[in-house]
Amino acid sequence: MAGIDVSSLFSLSGKVALVTGGSRGIGRMMAEGLVQAGATVYVSSRKPDACDRTAAELSALGPCRSLPADVATEDGRAALVEAIGAREPRLHILINNAGAAWGAPYAEYPASAFDKVLRLNVAAPFLLTRDLTPLLERGAADGDPARVINVGSMDGLHVQQRVGTGTFAYSASKAAVHHLTRTLAVELGPRNITVNAVAPGFFESRMTADVLQRHGADITAACPLGRIGRPEEMAGIAIYLASRAGAYTNGAVIPVDGGTLLT
């Protein structure tokens, strides 16, 4: 095993990262991990105040900047691509985390839910990745490709039965994200860009707060580890996929759910 420099294997020093939906929840967990690993991180979210506040807080740990944008819209994505391109000559890491959920009973589930959720959860990551590909290509190096990390969900890997939340559009969208990840891995691999996805289980966030309050006991009972995820565990998988340690991982969908998928 001679020649492996473990001290630098997980370092992101000199890297530039963009995290959508980075102002809270899983996006913030990942952004904080990347900052602490040495990257310059741009967090983006639809609400400027929340985005600015998160960037200011994470700046105490390392360089973190705010780029508010609504990636669900064509104008919002174009503004974000222009803004990051004006500030950086290359991009090494793109985390597509911005997303939405919608829960309603089967008989009442609205068509508008599918329009909103699929537009933000599936179309936006594809279109943003496509439009940022030139910057990502410039960030790629021999043996150290640029990285795209899509945030899926364990709900895109199995059918949720324990908690009847009626998230039909959400679970379908996350399954689509997982397969989109595989198709983009094949498309972008020859351009020296890897594309992977993480499929989180339950972590504390604004999106999961209500479900955890109502069904927390069932959720932890379904997990072999008997708990929900912790922020450092989401930060850790992001650092792995973004660093040299994950340079040969491509097209993977990695569950981060404590084994809940198995039950």
C-alpha atoms as a PDB file:
ATOM      1  CA  MET A   1       0.000   0.000   0.000  1.00  0.00           C
ATOM      2  CA  ALA A   2       3.010   2.280  -0.299  1.00  0.00           C
ATOM      3  CA  GLY A   3       2.351   5.597  -1.947  1.00  0.00           C
ATOM      4  CA  ILE A   4      -1.060   6.290  -0.424  1.00  0.00           C
ATOM      5  CA  ASP A   5      -1.074   9.672   1.323  1.00  0.00           C
ATOM      6  CA  VAL A   6      -3.988   9.299   3.697  1.00  0.00           C
ATOM      7  CA  SER A   7      -3.420  12.760   5.142  1.00  0.00           C
ATOM      8  CA  SER A   8      -4.483  14.328   1.843  1.00  0.00           C
ATOM      9  CA  LEU A   9      -6.871  11.652   0.575  1.00  0.00           C
ATOM     10  CA  PHE A  10      -9.971  13.449   1.856  1.00  0.00           C
ATOM     11  CA  SER A  11      -8.691  16.993   1.441  1.00  0.00           C
ATOM     12  CA  LEU A  12     -10.621  19.439  -0.735  1.00  0.00           C
ATOM     13  CA  SER A  13      -8.046  22.195  -0.520  1.00  0.00           C
ATOM     14  CA  GLY A  14      -8.136  24.369  -3.629  1.00  0.00           C
ATOM     15  CA  LYS A  15     -11.504  22.997  -4.791  1.00  0.00           C
ATOM     16  CA  VAL A  16     -14.565  25.096  -5.638  1.00  0.00           C
ATOM     17  CA  ALA A  17     -18.004  23.690  -4.862  1.00  0.00           C
ATOM     18  CA  LEU A  18     -21.587  24.763  -5.495  1.00  0.00           C
ATOM     19  CA  VAL A  19     -24.369  23.355  -3.296  1.00  0.00           C
ATOM     20  CA  THR A  20     -27.968  24.037  -4.295  1.00  0.00           C
ATOM     21  CA  GLY A  21     -30.485  24.023  -1.488  1.00  0.00           C
ATOM     22  CA  GLY A  22     -27.460  24.692   0.680  1.00  0.00           C
ATOM     23  CA  SER A  23     -29.008  27.006   3.248  1.00  0.00           C
ATOM     24  CA  ARG A  24     -30.519  24.296   5.464  1.00  0.00           C
ATOM     25  CA  GLY A  25     -31.001  20.590   6.061  1.00  0.00           C
ATOM     26  CA  ILE A  26     -28.933  18.063   4.125  1.00  0.00           C
ATOM     27  CA  GLY A  27     -27.547  20.749   1.806  1.00  0.00           C
ATOM     28  CA  ARG A  28     -26.149  22.701   4.721  1.00  0.00           C
ATOM     29  CA  MET A  29     -24.701  19.526   6.277  1.00  0.00           C
ATOM     30  CA  MET A  30     -22.857  18.802   3.052  1.00  0.00           C
ATOM     31  CA  ALA A  31     -21.752  22.408   2.581  1.00  0.00           C
ATOM     32  CA  GLU A  32     -20.327  22.532   6.101  1.00  0.00           C
ATOM     33  CA  GLY A  33     -18.392  19.324   5.498  1.00  0.00           C
ATOM     34  CA  LEU A  34     -16.914  20.629   2.245  1.00  0.00           C
ATOM     35  CA  VAL A  35     -15.887  23.916   3.871  1.00  0.00           C
ATOM     36  CA  GLN A  36     -14.151  22.102   6.725  1.00  0.00           C
ATOM     37  CA  ALA A  37     -12.382  19.835   4.218  1.00  0.00           C
ATOM     38  CA  GLY A  38     -10.845  22.926   2.599  1.00  0.00           C
ATOM     39  CA  ALA A  39     -13.120  23.786  -0.323  1.00  0.00           C
ATOM     40  CA  THR A  40     -14.401  27.210  -1.266  1.00  0.00           C
ATOM     41  CA  VAL A  41     -18.151  26.653  -1.136  1.00  0.00           C
ATOM     42  CA  TYR A  42     -20.972  28.596  -2.762  1.00  0.00           C
ATOM     43  CA  VAL A  43     -24.373  27.914  -1.220  1.00  0.00           C
ATOM     44  CA  SER A  44     -27.484  28.637  -3.233  1.00  0.00           C
ATOM     45  CA  SER A  45     -31.137  28.658  -2.247  1.00  0.00           C
ATOM     46  CA  ARG A  46     -34.326  30.357  -3.285  1.00  0.00           C
ATOM     47  CA  LYS A  47     -34.514  32.650  -0.228  1.00  0.00           C
ATOM     48  CA  PRO A  48     -31.713  35.242  -0.184  1.00  0.00           C
ATOM     49  CA  ASP A  49     -31.907  35.918   3.564  1.00  0.00           C
ATOM     50  CA  ALA A  50     -31.509  32.244   4.480  1.00  0.00           C
ATOM     51  CA  CYS A  51     -28.741  31.816   1.927  1.00  0.00           C
ATOM     52  CA  ASP A  52     -26.835  34.856   3.182  1.00  0.00           C
ATOM     53  CA  ARG A  53     -27.237  33.769   6.800  1.00  0.00           C
ATOM     54  CA  THR A  54     -25.889  30.264   6.168  1.00  0.00           C
ATOM     55  CA  ALA A  55     -22.939  31.568   4.175  1.00  0.00           C
ATOM     56  CA  ALA A  56     -22.088  34.014   6.966  1.00  0.00           C
ATOM     57  CA  GLU A  57     -22.259  31.266   9.600  1.00  0.00           C
ATOM     58  CA  LEU A  58     -20.156  28.780   7.622  1.00  0.00           C
ATOM     59  CA  SER A  59     -17.607  31.484   6.803  1.00  0.00           C
ATOM     60  CA  ALA A  60     -16.374  31.097  10.360  1.00  0.00           C
ATOM     61  CA  LEU A  61     -15.055  27.682   9.260  1.00  0.00           C
ATOM     62  CA  GLY A  62     -13.675  28.608   5.833  1.00  0.00           C
ATOM     63  CA  PRO A  63     -14.570  30.394   2.602  1.00  0.00           C
ATOM     64  CA  CYS A  64     -18.323  30.188   2.000  1.00  0.00           C
ATOM     65  CA  ARG A  65     -20.331  32.539  -0.201  1.00  0.00           C
ATOM     66  CA  SER A  66     -23.985  33.106  -0.949  1.00  0.00           C
ATOM     67  CA  LEU A  67     -25.474  32.870  -4.456  1.00  0.00           C
ATOM     68  CA  PRO A  68     -29.290  32.943  -4.097  1.00  0.00           C
ATOM     69  CA  ALA A  69     -31.240  31.508  -7.037  1.00  0.00           C
ATOM     70  CA  ASP A  70     -34.431  29.642  -7.821  1.00  0.00           C
ATOM     71  CA  VAL A  71     -33.128  26.664  -9.789  1.00  0.00           C
ATOM     72  CA  ALA A  72     -36.683  25.538 -10.585  1.00  0.00           C
ATOM     73  CA  THR A  73     -36.903  28.339 -13.162  1.00  0.00           C
ATOM     74  CA  GLU A  74     -34.964  28.845 -16.379  1.00  0.00           C
ATOM     75  CA  ASP A  75     -34.102  32.434 -15.444  1.00  0.00           C
ATOM     76  CA  GLY A  76     -32.947  31.375 -11.978  1.00  0.00           C
ATOM     77  CA  ARG A  77     -30.644  28.686 -13.340  1.00  0.00           C
ATOM     78  CA  ALA A  78     -29.222  31.035 -15.974  1.00  0.00           C
ATOM     79  CA  ALA A  79     -28.503  33.672 -13.320  1.00  0.00           C
ATOM     80  CA  LEU A  80     -26.777  31.101 -11.103  1.00  0.00           C
ATOM     81  CA  VAL A  81     -24.619  29.774 -13.942  1.00  0.00           C
ATOM     82  CA  GLU A  82     -23.642  33.331 -14.870  1.00  0.00           C
ATOM     83  CA  ALA A  83     -22.907  34.268 -11.260  1.00  0.00           C
ATOM     84  CA  ILE A  84     -20.633  31.316 -10.510  1.00  0.00           C
ATOM     85  CA  GLY A  85     -18.890  31.704 -13.868  1.00  0.00           C
ATOM     86  CA  ALA A  86     -18.200  35.375 -13.167  1.00  0.00           C
ATOM     87  CA  ARG A  87     -16.557  34.492  -9.856  1.00  0.00           C
ATOM     88  CA  GLU A  88     -14.685  31.290 -10.668  1.00  0.00           C
ATOM     89  CA  PRO A  89     -12.827  30.093 -13.785  1.00  0.00           C
ATOM     90  CA  ARG A  90     -13.643  26.468 -12.961  1.00  0.00           C
ATOM     91  CA  LEU A  91     -15.947  24.349 -10.818  1.00  0.00           C
ATOM     92  CA  HIS A  92     -14.793  21.123  -9.181  1.00  0.00           C
ATOM     93  CA  ILE A  93     -17.901  19.979  -7.308  1.00  0.00           C
ATOM     94  CA  LEU A  94     -21.612  20.433  -7.985  1.00  0.00           C
ATOM     95  CA  ILE A  95     -24.109  19.139  -5.423  1.00  0.00           C
ATOM     96  CA  ASN A  96     -27.679  19.084  -6.723  1.00  0.00           C
ATOM     97  CA  ASN A  97     -29.611  19.107  -3.464  1.00  0.00           C
ATOM     98  CA  ALA A  98     -32.446  21.618  -3.945  1.00  0.00           C
ATOM     99  CA  GLY A  99     -35.731  19.753  -3.812  1.00  0.00           C
ATOM    100  CA  ALA A 100     -39.356  19.709  -2.759  1.00  0.00           C
ATOM    101  CA  ALA A 101     -41.817  17.198  -1.332  1.00  0.00           C
ATOM    102  CA  TRP A 102     -45.594  17.047  -1.365  1.00  0.00           C
ATOM    103  CA  GLY A 103     -47.767  14.796   0.755  1.00  0.00           C
ATOM    104  CA  ALA A 104     -51.493  14.218   0.253  1.00  0.00           C
ATOM    105  CA  PRO A 105     -53.939  11.287   0.313  1.00  0.00           C
ATOM    106  CA  TYR A 106     -54.105   9.202  -2.858  1.00  0.00           C
ATOM    107  CA  ALA A 107     -57.649  10.250  -3.802  1.00  0.00           C
ATOM    108  CA  GLU A 108     -56.823  13.942  -3.390  1.00  0.00           C
ATOM    109  CA  TYR A 109     -53.302  14.063  -4.794  1.00  0.00           C
ATOM    110  CA  PRO A 110     -53.108  17.098  -7.129  1.00  0.00           C
ATOM    111  CA  ALA A 111     -51.609  17.195 -10.606  1.00  0.00           C
ATOM    112  CA  SER A 112     -49.818  20.391  -9.572  1.00  0.00           C
ATOM    113  CA  ALA A 113     -47.755  18.358  -7.097  1.00  0.00           C
ATOM    114  CA  PHE A 114     -46.190  16.350  -9.898  1.00  0.00           C
ATOM    115  CA  ASP A 115     -45.528  19.499 -11.917  1.00  0.00           C
ATOM    116  CA  LYS A 116     -43.739  21.214  -9.029  1.00  0.00           C
ATOM    117  CA  VAL A 117     -41.843  18.255  -7.588  1.00  0.00           C
ATOM    118  CA  LEU A 118     -40.620  16.749 -10.853  1.00  0.00           C
ATOM    119  CA  ARG A 119     -39.589  20.165 -12.191  1.00  0.00           C
ATOM    120  CA  LEU A 120     -37.405  20.923  -9.174  1.00  0.00           C
ATOM    121  CA  ASN A 121     -36.247  17.429  -8.194  1.00  0.00           C
ATOM    122  CA  VAL A 122     -35.511  15.970 -11.635  1.00  0.00           C
ATOM    123  CA  ALA A 123     -35.479  18.556 -14.426  1.00  0.00           C
ATOM    124  CA  ALA A 124     -33.509  21.205 -12.515  1.00  0.00           C
ATOM    125  CA  PRO A 125     -30.540  18.946 -11.621  1.00  0.00           C
ATOM    126  CA  PHE A 126     -30.270  17.786 -15.227  1.00  0.00           C
ATOM    127  CA  LEU A 127     -30.479  21.267 -16.714  1.00  0.00           C
ATOM    128  CA  LEU A 128     -28.138  22.850 -14.167  1.00  0.00           C
ATOM    129  CA  THR A 129     -25.575  20.088 -14.636  1.00  0.00           C
ATOM    130  CA  ARG A 130     -25.805  20.479 -18.408  1.00  0.00           C
ATOM    131  CA  ASP A 131     -25.297  24.236 -18.239  1.00  0.00           C
ATOM    132  CA  LEU A 132     -22.388  23.970 -15.780  1.00  0.00           C
ATOM    133  CA  THR A 133     -20.604  21.216 -17.709  1.00  0.00           C
ATOM    134  CA  PRO A 134     -18.087  23.624 -19.322  1.00  0.00           C
ATOM    135  CA  LEU A 135     -17.028  24.903 -15.874  1.00  0.00           C
ATOM    136  CA  LEU A 136     -16.847  21.344 -14.546  1.00  0.00           C
ATOM    137  CA  GLU A 137     -14.709  20.246 -17.487  1.00  0.00           C
ATOM    138  CA  ARG A 138     -12.286  23.063 -16.660  1.00  0.00           C
ATOM    139  CA  GLY A 139     -12.193  21.861 -13.051  1.00  0.00           C
ATOM    140  CA  ALA A 140     -11.308  18.279 -13.978  1.00  0.00           C
ATOM    141  CA  ALA A 141      -7.703  17.062 -13.795  1.00  0.00           C
ATOM    142  CA  ASP A 142      -5.917  13.864 -14.707  1.00  0.00           C
ATOM    143  CA  GLY A 143      -6.814  11.307 -12.050  1.00  0.00           C
ATOM    144  CA  ASP A 144      -9.017  13.818 -10.254  1.00  0.00           C
ATOM    145  CA  PRO A 145     -12.285  14.293 -12.168  1.00  0.00           C
ATOM    146  CA  ALA A 146     -14.831  16.977 -11.460  1.00  0.00           C
ATOM    147  CA  ARG A 147     -17.749  15.692  -9.405  1.00  0.00           C
ATOM    148  CA  VAL A 148     -21.528  15.914  -9.607  1.00  0.00           C
ATOM    149  CA  ILE A 149     -23.362  14.647  -6.534  1.00  0.00           C
ATOM    150  CA  ASN A 150     -27.137  14.307  -6.761  1.00  0.00           C
ATOM    151  CA  VAL A 151     -29.232  13.997  -3.626  1.00  0.00           C
ATOM    152  CA  GLY A 152     -31.817  11.260  -4.003  1.00  0.00           C
ATOM    153  CA  SER A 153     -33.614   9.455  -1.197  1.00  0.00           C
ATOM    154  CA  MET A 154     -34.148   6.014   0.265  1.00  0.00           C
ATOM    155  CA  ASP A 155     -37.779   6.583  -0.812  1.00  0.00           C
ATOM    156  CA  GLY A 156     -36.526   6.276  -4.378  1.00  0.00           C
ATOM    157  CA  LEU A 157     -35.107   2.822  -3.579  1.00  0.00           C
ATOM    158  CA  HIS A 158     -38.029   1.177  -1.800  1.00  0.00           C
ATOM    159  CA  VAL A 159     -41.741   1.649  -1.234  1.00  0.00           C
ATOM    160  CA  GLN A 160     -42.407   3.381   2.067  1.00  0.00           C
ATOM    161  CA  GLN A 161     -45.082   1.480   3.990  1.00  0.00           C
ATOM    162  CA  ARG A 162     -44.381   2.197   7.646  1.00  0.00           C
ATOM    163  CA  VAL A 163     -45.121   5.926   7.380  1.00  0.00           C
ATOM    164  CA  GLY A 164     -48.156   6.636   5.196  1.00  0.00           C
ATOM    165  CA  THR A 165     -47.277  10.136   4.046  1.00  0.00           C
ATOM    166  CA  GLY A 166     -48.648   9.906   0.478  1.00  0.00           C
ATOM    167  CA  THR A 167     -45.522  11.349  -1.158  1.00  0.00           C
ATOM    168  CA  PHE A 168     -46.216   9.887  -4.597  1.00  0.00           C
ATOM    169  CA  ALA A 169     -44.474  12.585  -6.645  1.00  0.00           C
ATOM    170  CA  TYR A 170     -41.507  12.768  -4.262  1.00  0.00           C
ATOM    171  CA  SER A 171     -40.690   9.050  -4.268  1.00  0.00           C
ATOM    172  CA  ALA A 172     -41.108   8.873  -8.056  1.00  0.00           C
ATOM    173  CA  SER A 173     -38.870  11.899  -8.504  1.00  0.00           C
ATOM    174  CA  LYS A 174     -36.099  10.436  -6.355  1.00  0.00           C
ATOM    175  CA  ALA A 175     -36.161   7.142  -8.250  1.00  0.00           C
ATOM    176  CA  ALA A 176     -35.800   9.255 -11.388  1.00  0.00           C
ATOM    177  CA  VAL A 177     -32.848  11.115  -9.842  1.00  0.00           C
ATOM    178  CA  HIS A 178     -31.103   7.805  -9.204  1.00  0.00           C
ATOM    179  CA  HIS A 179     -31.484   6.663 -12.806  1.00  0.00           C
ATOM    180  CA  LEU A 180     -30.619  10.118 -14.141  1.00  0.00           C
ATOM    181  CA  THR A 181     -27.404   9.820 -12.127  1.00  0.00           C
ATOM    182  CA  ARG A 182     -26.510   6.604 -13.936  1.00  0.00           C
ATOM    183  CA  THR A 183     -27.230   8.003 -17.383  1.00  0.00           C
ATOM    184  CA  LEU A 184     -25.225  11.155 -16.674  1.00  0.00           C
ATOM    185  CA  ALA A 185     -22.327   9.064 -15.344  1.00  0.00           C
ATOM    186  CA  VAL A 186     -22.106   7.381 -18.743  1.00  0.00           C
ATOM    187  CA  GLU A 187     -22.511  10.678 -20.592  1.00  0.00           C
ATOM    188  CA  LEU A 188     -20.018  12.711 -18.577  1.00  0.00           C
ATOM    189  CA  GLY A 189     -17.458  10.083 -17.606  1.00  0.00           C
ATOM    190  CA  PRO A 190     -15.589  10.507 -20.922  1.00  0.00           C
ATOM    191  CA  ARG A 191     -15.404  14.227 -20.120  1.00  0.00           C
ATOM    192  CA  ASN A 192     -13.644  13.429 -16.829  1.00  0.00           C
ATOM    193  CA  ILE A 193     -16.695  14.221 -14.693  1.00  0.00           C
ATOM    194  CA  THR A 194     -18.114  11.633 -12.305  1.00  0.00           C
ATOM    195  CA  VAL A 195     -21.787  11.609 -11.329  1.00  0.00           C
ATOM    196  CA  ASN A 196     -23.011   9.871  -8.189  1.00  0.00           C
ATOM    197  CA  ALA A 197     -26.040  10.060  -5.922  1.00  0.00           C
ATOM    198  CA  VAL A 198     -26.635   9.683  -2.215  1.00  0.00           C
ATOM    199  CA  ALA A 199     -29.930   8.272  -0.973  1.00  0.00           C
ATOM    200  CA  PRO A 200     -30.413   9.624   2.559  1.00  0.00           C
ATOM    201  CA  GLY A 201     -32.705   8.136   5.140  1.00  0.00           C
ATOM    202  CA  PHE A 202     -34.144  10.362   7.846  1.00  0.00           C
ATOM    203  CA  PHE A 203     -32.096  13.320   9.028  1.00  0.00           C
ATOM    204  CA  GLU A 204     -33.380  16.319  10.975  1.00  0.00           C
ATOM    205  CA  SER A 205     -34.489  19.010   8.562  1.00  0.00           C
ATOM    206  CA  ARG A 206     -37.397  21.298   7.887  1.00  0.00           C
ATOM    207  CA  MET A 207     -38.691  18.823   5.305  1.00  0.00           C
ATOM    208  CA  THR A 208     -38.730  15.895   7.750  1.00  0.00           C
ATOM    209  CA  ALA A 209     -39.731  17.757  10.938  1.00  0.00           C
ATOM    210  CA  ASP A 210     -43.450  16.958  10.774  1.00  0.00           C
ATOM    211  CA  VAL A 211     -42.973  13.292   9.873  1.00  0.00           C
ATOM    212  CA  LEU A 212     -40.373  12.817  12.605  1.00  0.00           C
ATOM    213  CA  GLN A 213     -42.688  14.409  15.157  1.00  0.00           C
ATOM    214  CA  ARG A 214     -45.628  12.180  14.209  1.00  0.00           C
ATOM    215  CA  HIS A 215     -43.825   8.940  13.371  1.00  0.00           C
ATOM    216  CA  GLY A 216     -40.419   9.191  15.059  1.00  0.00           C
ATOM    217  CA  ALA A 217     -40.806   5.961  17.012  1.00  0.00           C
ATOM    218  CA  ASP A 218     -41.749   3.972  13.894  1.00  0.00           C
ATOM    219  CA  ILE A 219     -38.912   5.512  11.909  1.00  0.00           C
ATOM    220  CA  THR A 220     -36.217   4.637  14.434  1.00  0.00           C
ATOM    221  CA  ALA A 221     -37.716   1.164  14.930  1.00  0.00           C
ATOM    222  CA  ALA A 222     -37.368   0.524  11.190  1.00  0.00           C
ATOM    223  CA  CYS A 223     -33.641   1.374  11.268  1.00  0.00           C
ATOM    224  CA  PRO A 224     -31.285  -1.421  12.367  1.00  0.00           C
ATOM    225  CA  LEU A 225     -29.172   1.217  14.134  1.00  0.00           C
ATOM    226  CA  GLY A 226     -32.252   2.473  16.012  1.00  0.00           C
ATOM    227  CA  ARG A 227     -31.795   6.161  15.217  1.00  0.00           C
ATOM    228  CA  ILE A 228     -31.914   8.817  12.518  1.00  0.00           C
ATOM    229  CA  GLY A 229     -28.848  10.211  10.761  1.00  0.00           C
ATOM    230  CA  ARG A 230     -26.450  12.781  12.164  1.00  0.00           C
ATOM    231  CA  PRO A 231     -25.088  15.815  10.291  1.00  0.00           C
ATOM    232  CA  GLU A 232     -21.499  14.560  10.237  1.00  0.00           C
ATOM    233  CA  GLU A 233     -22.641  11.396   8.456  1.00  0.00           C
ATOM    234  CA  MET A 234     -24.064  13.376   5.569  1.00  0.00           C
ATOM    235  CA  ALA A 235     -20.981  15.616   5.537  1.00  0.00           C
ATOM    236  CA  GLY A 236     -18.796  12.509   5.442  1.00  0.00           C
ATOM    237  CA  ILE A 237     -20.347  10.959   2.348  1.00  0.00           C
ATOM    238  CA  ALA A 238     -20.109  14.305   0.536  1.00  0.00           C
ATOM    239  CA  ILE A 239     -16.428  14.627   1.405  1.00  0.00           C
ATOM    240  CA  TYR A 240     -15.745  11.064   0.252  1.00  0.00           C
ATOM    241  CA  LEU A 241     -17.433  11.529  -3.123  1.00  0.00           C
ATOM    242  CA  ALA A 242     -15.836  14.947  -3.679  1.00  0.00           C
ATOM    243  CA  SER A 243     -12.288  14.032  -2.657  1.00  0.00           C
ATOM    244  CA  ARG A 244      -9.537  11.895  -4.177  1.00  0.00           C
ATOM    245  CA  ALA A 245     -10.882   9.009  -2.115  1.00  0.00           C
ATOM    246  CA  GLY A 246     -13.943   8.876  -4.368  1.00  0.00           C
ATOM    247  CA  ALA A 247     -12.231   9.589  -7.690  1.00  0.00           C
ATOM    248  CA  TYR A 248     -13.025   6.144  -9.143  1.00  0.00           C
ATOM    249  CA  THR A 249     -16.630   5.985  -7.917  1.00  0.00           C
ATOM    250  CA  ASN A 250     -18.994   6.753 -10.779  1.00  0.00           C
ATOM    251  CA  GLY A 251     -22.681   6.061 -11.369  1.00  0.00           C
ATOM    252  CA  ALA A 252     -23.249   4.873  -7.802  1.00  0.00           C
ATOM    253  CA  VAL A 253     -26.344   5.434  -5.686  1.00  0.00           C
ATOM    254  CA  ILE A 254     -25.204   5.205  -2.074  1.00  0.00           C
ATOM    255  CA  PRO A 255     -27.803   4.730   0.705  1.00  0.00           C
ATOM    256  CA  VAL A 256     -27.073   6.683   3.885  1.00  0.00           C
ATOM    257  CA  ASP A 257     -29.929   5.363   5.987  1.00  0.00           C
ATOM    258  CA  GLY A 258     -28.481   3.183   8.742  1.00  0.00           C
ATOM    259  CA  GLY A 259     -29.703   0.081   6.950  1.00  0.00           C
ATOM    260  CA  THR A 260     -33.379   1.091   6.867  1.00  0.00           C
ATOM    261  CA  LEU A 261     -33.558   0.009   3.224  1.00  0.00           C
ATOM    262  CA  LEU A 262     -32.975  -3.594   4.339  1.00  0.00           C
ATOM    263  CA  THR A 263     -36.076  -3.640   6.505  1.00  0.00           C
END
